[in-house]
């Protein structure tokens, strides 16, 4: 056995919580006790220096290149590995620019566009008809992905206790389904903001198709420009956007919400969260969500008090996001032939890894999905029970 192979195998043998095999050329090594459930096949060894600098980058890039193959179910393999993330290595000083990027308006626009503007046609292949790119809500075991996304949107709208002619702001409105449903069911007047040009165009198109131009509008806008917009809102919602803000800008985000929310108004924040403050995974930050940072629950609740936000409710939907991601991955794999006409094989493997890896992260509690319901100041006019 050559030195590089020996060091690589030794490094991977510490992930022994579940049994699997390592295959390299004609050599096979067992990791963990029991019957192996998958095989990690190396077509090329990985530099041990890269593994110790960033385990996720080294393994992720090797998988993207085809230097590493998984024989067996990819989600199952990742579910085993990501349950042992405390054994991953990350040299933050060597990856400083990647892990701690700028969150200026210019960079945030670039980062958001790099993910959400790769094509509406691509997202339509594996999202459901609502074009909802966030955690669904599976009320029943038989719920489809479409059911879960409709459930999620109406669950959020119920929590906001909407009434006719109220004004609603959606920060990071995506392709607009939540706003459209709010206008149709509650006859509110809504505004959506996004940094994605593709989402902006599609959202405008959907509003027009529904004949809701008198009630809804969408703008290409950074949340930091909200205070100078001169607008005020009775209700504010933000779904899956806070993860793009950056830790140094959380105060700015909450301050901006505070500036445009009317007194006693409601604010629902739906976001991927962590138990502790973490800079983020290097592979995800390099290839999937540049600049992305997952806030902890405690830091957001702590900061919210500075803006007189009163916490009414906190709910964890972690397993709902695991199921949502597995549905997305199933749809993605069913459309691989079409995806390969749009992107190269490295992108296909990258996206497969992303969807399975995130599903495994939620399954293992590496990350959570929280919905927090706030009021601006004390609101004694709402029901005393969880009416939703």
Protein backbone atom coordinates (compact mmCIF):
# COMPACT_ATOMS: atom_id res chain seq x y z
CA UNK A 1 0.00 0.00 0.00
CA UNK A 2 1.39 3.41 -0.99
CA UNK A 3 1.69 6.05 1.70
CA UNK A 4 -1.13 8.29 0.35
CA UNK A 5 -3.54 5.36 0.23
CA UNK A 6 -2.58 4.28 3.73
CA UNK A 7 -3.10 7.77 5.16
CA UNK A 8 -6.42 8.20 3.32
CA UNK A 9 -7.77 4.91 4.63
CA UNK A 10 -6.56 5.66 8.15
CA UNK A 11 -8.32 9.05 8.08
CA UNK A 12 -11.61 7.53 6.90
CA UNK A 13 -11.53 4.67 9.42
CA UNK A 14 -12.44 7.08 12.20
CA UNK A 15 -15.96 7.32 10.70
CA UNK A 16 -16.77 3.95 12.23
CA UNK A 17 -20.23 4.51 13.74
CA UNK A 18 -21.74 2.49 10.88
CA UNK A 19 -20.14 -0.31 8.85
CA UNK A 20 -19.05 0.34 5.24
CA UNK A 21 -16.30 -0.73 2.86
CA UNK A 22 -13.51 1.26 1.27
CA UNK A 23 -12.32 -0.01 -2.11
CA UNK A 24 -9.21 1.30 -3.83
CA UNK A 25 -7.77 -0.53 -6.84
CA UNK A 26 -7.55 -4.19 -5.73
CA UNK A 27 -7.67 -3.43 -1.99
CA UNK A 28 -10.74 -3.55 0.26
CA UNK A 29 -10.95 -2.24 3.83
CA UNK A 30 -13.83 -2.56 6.29
CA UNK A 31 -14.77 0.35 8.54
CA UNK A 32 -16.96 -0.27 11.59
CA UNK A 33 -18.40 -3.53 12.86
CA UNK A 34 -21.21 -5.46 11.22
CA UNK A 35 -22.53 -5.94 7.71
CA UNK A 36 -21.48 -3.05 5.44
CA UNK A 37 -24.42 -1.14 3.93
CA UNK A 38 -22.48 0.74 1.23
CA UNK A 39 -19.11 0.95 -0.45
CA UNK A 40 -16.90 4.00 -0.94
CA UNK A 41 -14.90 3.29 -4.07
CA UNK A 42 -11.87 5.47 -4.81
CA UNK A 43 -10.81 5.66 -8.44
CA UNK A 44 -8.04 7.98 -7.30
CA UNK A 45 -6.64 8.56 -3.82
CA UNK A 46 -7.25 11.90 -2.08
CA UNK A 47 -4.36 13.97 -0.81
CA UNK A 48 -4.39 13.66 3.00
CA UNK A 49 -3.57 17.38 3.21
CA UNK A 50 -6.83 18.16 1.43
CA UNK A 51 -8.79 15.83 3.73
CA UNK A 52 -7.42 17.55 6.82
CA UNK A 53 -7.86 21.06 5.39
CA UNK A 54 -11.54 20.41 4.66
CA UNK A 55 -13.06 16.94 4.80
CA UNK A 56 -16.27 18.09 3.12
CA UNK A 57 -14.44 19.89 0.29
CA UNK A 58 -12.04 17.01 -0.36
CA UNK A 59 -14.73 14.32 -0.40
CA UNK A 60 -17.30 16.51 -2.15
CA UNK A 61 -14.98 17.54 -4.96
CA UNK A 62 -13.74 13.97 -5.38
CA UNK A 63 -17.35 12.83 -5.79
CA UNK A 64 -18.07 15.61 -8.29
CA UNK A 65 -15.04 14.63 -10.40
CA UNK A 66 -15.87 10.93 -10.25
CA UNK A 67 -12.69 10.15 -8.29
CA UNK A 68 -15.00 8.81 -5.57
CA UNK A 69 -18.06 6.63 -6.18
CA UNK A 70 -20.72 5.37 -3.81
CA UNK A 71 -21.87 1.80 -4.42
CA UNK A 72 -25.26 1.66 -2.78
CA UNK A 73 -27.67 4.42 -1.83
CA UNK A 74 -26.05 7.89 -1.77
CA UNK A 75 -28.47 9.26 0.82
CA UNK A 76 -27.83 6.26 3.09
CA UNK A 77 -24.07 6.77 2.86
CA UNK A 78 -24.32 10.49 3.57
CA UNK A 79 -26.75 9.85 6.42
CA UNK A 80 -24.04 7.75 8.07
CA UNK A 81 -21.20 10.23 7.41
CA UNK A 82 -23.06 13.41 8.34
CA UNK A 83 -24.10 11.93 11.65
CA UNK A 84 -20.38 12.07 12.48
CA UNK A 85 -19.64 15.63 11.38
CA UNK A 86 -17.80 16.25 14.63
CA UNK A 87 -15.03 14.10 13.09
CA UNK A 88 -14.73 16.33 9.99
CA UNK A 89 -11.67 18.55 9.73
CA UNK A 90 -11.82 22.23 8.70
CA UNK A 91 -8.86 24.58 8.65
CA UNK A 92 -10.68 27.92 8.90
CA UNK A 93 -7.51 29.98 8.55
CA UNK A 94 -6.66 28.30 5.23
CA UNK A 95 -10.25 28.79 4.02
CA UNK A 96 -10.83 32.25 5.45
CA UNK A 97 -11.97 33.92 2.22
CA UNK A 98 -14.41 31.10 1.48
CA UNK A 99 -15.85 30.76 4.97
CA UNK A 100 -15.97 34.44 5.92
CA UNK A 101 -16.93 36.31 2.72
CA UNK A 102 -18.28 39.83 2.33
CA UNK A 103 -22.04 40.33 2.57
CA UNK A 104 -22.09 43.68 0.84
CA UNK A 105 -25.07 44.45 -1.40
CA UNK A 106 -22.98 43.77 -4.49
CA UNK A 107 -21.74 40.41 -3.21
CA UNK A 108 -25.13 39.34 -1.92
CA UNK A 109 -26.72 40.04 -5.29
CA UNK A 110 -23.96 38.01 -6.98
CA UNK A 111 -24.26 35.13 -4.49
CA UNK A 112 -28.05 34.92 -4.76
CA UNK A 113 -27.94 35.06 -8.56
CA UNK A 114 -25.35 32.28 -8.71
CA UNK A 115 -27.88 29.87 -7.19
CA UNK A 116 -31.36 31.09 -8.07
CA UNK A 117 -30.70 32.40 -11.57
CA UNK A 118 -29.37 29.19 -13.12
CA UNK A 119 -32.74 28.81 -14.86
CA UNK A 120 -36.43 28.54 -14.02
CA UNK A 121 -36.64 25.61 -16.45
CA UNK A 122 -34.20 23.69 -14.27
CA UNK A 123 -36.10 24.33 -11.04
CA UNK A 124 -39.41 23.46 -12.67
CA UNK A 125 -38.08 19.95 -13.35
CA UNK A 126 -37.91 18.91 -9.70
CA UNK A 127 -39.88 21.43 -7.62
CA UNK A 128 -43.64 21.01 -7.45
CA UNK A 129 -46.21 23.08 -9.34
CA UNK A 130 -46.15 25.84 -6.72
CA UNK A 131 -42.42 26.42 -7.39
CA UNK A 132 -41.80 26.49 -3.64
CA UNK A 133 -38.11 26.10 -2.83
CA UNK A 134 -38.34 25.71 0.94
CA UNK A 135 -39.49 23.20 3.55
CA UNK A 136 -42.94 21.71 2.97
CA UNK A 137 -45.39 20.75 5.73
CA UNK A 138 -46.56 17.13 5.62
CA UNK A 139 -49.79 17.05 7.60
CA UNK A 140 -50.62 13.50 6.48
CA UNK A 141 -48.51 10.48 5.57
CA UNK A 142 -50.13 10.44 2.13
CA UNK A 143 -49.36 14.10 1.33
CA UNK A 144 -47.56 14.66 -1.95
CA UNK A 145 -44.83 17.28 -2.30
CA UNK A 146 -47.44 19.61 -3.82
CA UNK A 147 -49.78 19.00 -0.87
CA UNK A 148 -46.98 19.71 1.57
CA UNK A 149 -46.04 23.01 -0.09
CA UNK A 150 -49.64 24.18 -0.19
CA UNK A 151 -49.99 23.11 3.46
CA UNK A 152 -46.85 25.06 4.38
CA UNK A 153 -47.97 28.28 2.74
CA UNK A 154 -51.43 28.20 4.29
CA UNK A 155 -49.98 27.24 7.67
CA UNK A 156 -47.79 30.35 7.53
CA UNK A 157 -50.69 32.54 6.41
CA UNK A 158 -52.84 31.24 9.27
CA UNK A 159 -50.09 32.06 11.76
CA UNK A 160 -50.03 35.62 10.42
CA UNK A 161 -53.73 36.06 11.23
CA UNK A 162 -54.40 37.94 8.01
CA UNK A 163 -57.47 40.05 7.37
CA UNK A 164 -58.82 41.80 4.28
CA UNK A 165 -56.88 44.87 3.07
CA UNK A 166 -53.92 44.24 5.39
CA UNK A 167 -50.52 44.93 3.87
CA UNK A 168 -48.09 42.01 3.64
CA UNK A 169 -44.38 42.07 2.80
CA UNK A 170 -42.59 38.89 1.69
CA UNK A 171 -38.80 39.28 2.03
CA UNK A 172 -37.22 36.81 -0.38
CA UNK A 173 -40.50 36.04 -2.13
CA UNK A 174 -39.14 33.39 -4.49
CA UNK A 175 -41.49 32.66 -7.38
CA UNK A 176 -44.42 34.29 -5.58
CA UNK A 177 -46.74 31.44 -4.55
CA UNK A 178 -47.18 32.62 -0.95
CA UNK A 179 -48.15 36.15 -1.98
CA UNK A 180 -50.57 34.88 -4.60
CA UNK A 181 -52.29 32.55 -2.14
CA UNK A 182 -52.49 35.35 0.45
CA UNK A 183 -54.14 37.68 -2.06
CA UNK A 184 -56.59 35.05 -3.29
CA UNK A 185 -57.66 33.79 0.14
CA UNK A 186 -57.44 36.93 2.30
CA UNK A 187 -57.58 39.77 -0.26
CA UNK A 188 -54.51 41.43 1.24
CA UNK A 189 -52.25 43.93 -0.52
CA UNK A 190 -48.84 42.35 -0.88
CA UNK A 191 -45.31 43.25 -1.89
CA UNK A 192 -42.52 40.79 -2.58
CA UNK A 193 -38.81 41.54 -2.82
CA UNK A 194 -36.05 39.36 -4.25
CA UNK A 195 -32.52 39.66 -5.59
CA UNK A 196 -33.06 36.96 -8.21
CA UNK A 197 -33.84 38.29 -11.70
CA UNK A 198 -35.29 34.94 -12.78
CA UNK A 199 -37.60 34.78 -9.77
CA UNK A 200 -38.62 38.41 -10.26
CA UNK A 201 -39.65 37.77 -13.87
CA UNK A 202 -41.55 34.58 -13.07
CA UNK A 203 -43.27 36.18 -10.09
CA UNK A 204 -44.47 39.10 -12.22
CA UNK A 205 -45.73 36.66 -14.84
CA UNK A 206 -47.68 34.60 -12.29
CA UNK A 207 -49.26 37.69 -10.73
CA UNK A 208 -50.43 38.81 -14.17
CA UNK A 209 -51.76 35.35 -15.03
CA UNK A 210 -53.81 35.37 -11.83
CA UNK A 211 -55.12 38.88 -12.52
CA UNK A 212 -53.77 40.15 -9.19
CA UNK A 213 -51.86 43.23 -10.39
CA UNK A 214 -54.10 45.51 -8.28
CA UNK A 215 -53.22 43.61 -5.11
CA UNK A 216 -49.64 42.39 -5.59
CA UNK A 217 -46.30 43.76 -6.73
CA UNK A 218 -42.75 42.42 -6.76
CA UNK A 219 -39.50 44.38 -6.72
CA UNK A 220 -35.83 43.63 -7.26
CA UNK A 221 -34.65 44.98 -3.92
CA UNK A 222 -32.12 44.37 -1.18
CA UNK A 223 -33.76 44.15 2.25
CA UNK A 224 -31.40 46.92 3.41
CA UNK A 225 -33.24 49.34 1.13
CA UNK A 226 -36.62 48.71 2.77
CA UNK A 227 -36.40 51.53 5.36
CA UNK A 228 -35.97 54.19 2.67
CA UNK A 229 -38.82 52.77 0.57
CA UNK A 230 -41.31 54.71 2.67
CA UNK A 231 -43.62 51.69 2.89
CA UNK A 232 -45.18 50.21 6.03
CA UNK A 233 -46.70 46.79 6.49
CA UNK A 234 -49.12 45.10 8.88
CA UNK A 235 -47.52 41.70 8.37
CA UNK A 236 -44.06 40.56 7.25
CA UNK A 237 -42.93 37.07 6.28
CA UNK A 238 -39.52 35.78 5.27
CA UNK A 239 -39.11 32.16 4.15
CA UNK A 240 -35.64 30.73 3.57
CA UNK A 241 -33.94 34.08 3.07
CA UNK A 242 -32.20 34.73 6.39
CA UNK A 243 -29.59 32.09 5.51
CA UNK A 244 -28.19 34.50 2.89
CA UNK A 245 -27.89 37.52 5.19
CA UNK A 246 -24.62 36.77 6.99
CA UNK A 247 -23.96 36.84 10.71
CA UNK A 248 -22.60 40.39 10.74
CA UNK A 249 -25.84 41.64 9.14
CA UNK A 250 -28.48 40.05 11.39
CA UNK A 251 -28.93 43.29 13.30
CA UNK A 252 -29.34 45.16 10.02
CA UNK A 253 -31.93 42.64 8.85
CA UNK A 254 -33.99 42.83 12.04
CA UNK A 255 -33.66 46.60 12.14
CA UNK A 256 -34.94 46.83 8.56
CA UNK A 257 -37.94 44.63 9.43
CA UNK A 258 -38.62 46.75 12.49
CA UNK A 259 -38.51 49.97 10.46
CA UNK A 260 -41.23 48.88 8.03
CA UNK A 261 -43.49 46.83 10.34
CA UNK A 262 -46.43 48.69 11.85
CA UNK A 263 -46.81 48.71 15.66
CA UNK A 264 -48.34 45.46 16.98
CA UNK A 265 -47.76 43.88 13.56
CA UNK A 266 -46.76 40.23 13.08
CA UNK A 267 -43.51 38.93 11.62
CA UNK A 268 -42.97 35.27 10.73
CA UNK A 269 -39.40 34.12 10.17
CA UNK A 270 -38.91 30.69 8.58
CA UNK A 271 -35.26 29.65 8.25
CA UNK A 272 -32.69 26.87 8.48
CA UNK A 273 -31.05 27.06 11.89
CA UNK A 274 -28.25 25.54 13.91
CA UNK A 275 -27.97 24.74 17.60
CA UNK A 276 -24.80 26.79 17.81
CA UNK A 277 -23.22 29.60 15.81
CA UNK A 278 -21.19 28.08 12.97
CA UNK A 279 -19.38 29.61 10.02
CA UNK A 280 -20.79 27.06 7.57
CA UNK A 281 -19.72 24.07 5.54
CA UNK A 282 -16.92 24.82 3.03
CA UNK A 283 -18.30 22.62 0.23
CA UNK A 284 -21.80 24.10 0.48
CA UNK A 285 -20.37 27.62 0.56
CA UNK A 286 -18.15 27.04 -2.46
CA UNK A 287 -20.56 25.22 -4.74
CA UNK A 288 -24.17 25.68 -3.61
CA UNK A 289 -24.79 28.76 -1.46
CA UNK A 290 -21.87 31.21 -1.68
CA UNK A 291 -21.94 33.47 1.35
CA UNK A 292 -24.56 31.34 3.09
CA UNK A 293 -24.57 31.21 6.89
CA UNK A 294 -27.00 29.29 9.09
CA UNK A 295 -28.09 31.30 12.14
CA UNK A 296 -28.60 29.65 15.48
CA UNK A 297 -32.01 29.84 17.10
CA UNK A 298 -30.64 31.43 20.24
CA UNK A 299 -28.84 34.28 18.48
CA UNK A 300 -31.93 35.32 16.52
CA UNK A 301 -34.16 35.21 19.61
CA UNK A 302 -31.50 37.13 21.55
CA UNK A 303 -31.15 39.86 18.91
CA UNK A 304 -34.90 40.18 18.38
CA UNK A 305 -35.33 41.57 21.90
CA UNK A 306 -33.29 44.63 20.90
CA UNK A 307 -36.04 45.57 18.43
CA UNK A 308 -38.92 45.02 20.84
CA UNK A 309 -40.03 41.87 19.05
CA UNK A 310 -42.16 39.67 21.28
CA UNK A 311 -41.84 35.92 20.62
CA UNK A 312 -45.25 34.26 20.35
CA UNK A 313 -44.28 30.87 19.02
CA UNK A 314 -41.32 28.78 17.88
CA UNK A 315 -41.80 25.56 15.91
CA UNK A 316 -39.23 23.09 14.58
CA UNK A 317 -40.03 21.47 11.20
CA UNK A 318 -36.73 19.58 10.83
CA UNK A 319 -38.14 16.24 9.69
CA UNK A 320 -40.48 17.99 7.27
CA UNK A 321 -37.42 19.38 5.50
CA UNK A 322 -35.79 15.95 5.41
CA UNK A 323 -38.86 14.60 3.62
CA UNK A 324 -39.07 17.63 1.32
CA UNK A 325 -35.47 17.17 0.20
CA UNK A 326 -35.96 13.47 -0.44
CA UNK A 327 -38.95 14.34 -2.63
CA UNK A 328 -36.86 16.90 -4.53
CA UNK A 329 -34.06 14.40 -5.02
CA UNK A 330 -36.48 11.78 -6.32
CA UNK A 331 -37.84 14.29 -8.84
CA UNK A 332 -34.33 15.39 -9.78
CA UNK A 333 -33.22 11.83 -10.47
CA UNK A 334 -36.32 11.14 -12.52
CA UNK A 335 -35.32 14.02 -14.81
CA UNK A 336 -31.60 13.29 -15.09
CA UNK A 337 -31.72 12.90 -18.87
CA UNK A 338 -33.14 16.41 -19.22
CA UNK A 339 -30.75 17.86 -16.63
CA UNK A 340 -27.82 16.43 -18.61
CA UNK A 341 -28.93 18.42 -21.65
CA UNK A 342 -28.63 21.59 -19.54
CA UNK A 343 -25.50 20.96 -17.46
CA UNK A 344 -22.36 18.82 -17.43
CA UNK A 345 -21.88 15.63 -15.42
CA UNK A 346 -19.98 17.42 -12.66
CA UNK A 347 -23.01 19.67 -12.05
CA UNK A 348 -25.34 16.65 -12.02
CA UNK A 349 -23.23 14.88 -9.40
CA UNK A 350 -22.87 18.11 -7.41
CA UNK A 351 -26.63 18.71 -7.27
CA UNK A 352 -27.36 15.09 -6.36
CA UNK A 353 -24.82 15.36 -3.55
CA UNK A 354 -26.35 18.65 -2.38
CA UNK A 355 -29.92 17.35 -2.16
CA UNK A 356 -28.97 14.06 -0.49
CA UNK A 357 -26.47 15.74 1.82
CA UNK A 358 -28.96 18.33 3.03
CA UNK A 359 -31.61 15.64 3.58
CA UNK A 360 -29.10 13.68 5.67
CA UNK A 361 -28.13 16.81 7.62
CA UNK A 362 -31.73 17.41 8.67
CA UNK A 363 -32.21 13.72 9.50
CA UNK A 364 -29.20 13.82 11.82
CA UNK A 365 -30.14 17.12 13.45
CA UNK A 366 -27.01 18.81 12.11
CA UNK A 367 -29.41 21.57 11.08
CA UNK A 368 -33.02 22.43 11.97
CA UNK A 369 -35.83 24.37 10.37
CA UNK A 370 -37.48 26.90 12.66
CA UNK A 371 -40.51 29.11 12.28
CA UNK A 372 -40.59 31.98 14.75
CA UNK A 373 -43.67 34.17 15.12
CA UNK A 374 -43.03 37.65 16.51
CA UNK A 375 -45.16 40.67 17.27
CA UNK A 376 -43.75 44.18 17.20
CA UNK A 377 -44.31 45.12 20.78
CA UNK A 378 -47.11 43.56 22.79
CA UNK A 379 -50.24 42.57 20.91
CA UNK A 380 -53.12 41.58 23.21
CA UNK A 381 -55.71 41.30 20.44
CA UNK A 382 -54.65 37.88 19.19
CA UNK A 383 -56.18 34.61 20.44
CA UNK A 384 -54.59 33.21 23.60
CA UNK A 385 -54.23 29.77 22.06
CA UNK A 386 -52.41 28.55 18.99
CA UNK A 387 -55.38 29.21 16.73
CA UNK A 388 -53.59 27.73 13.73
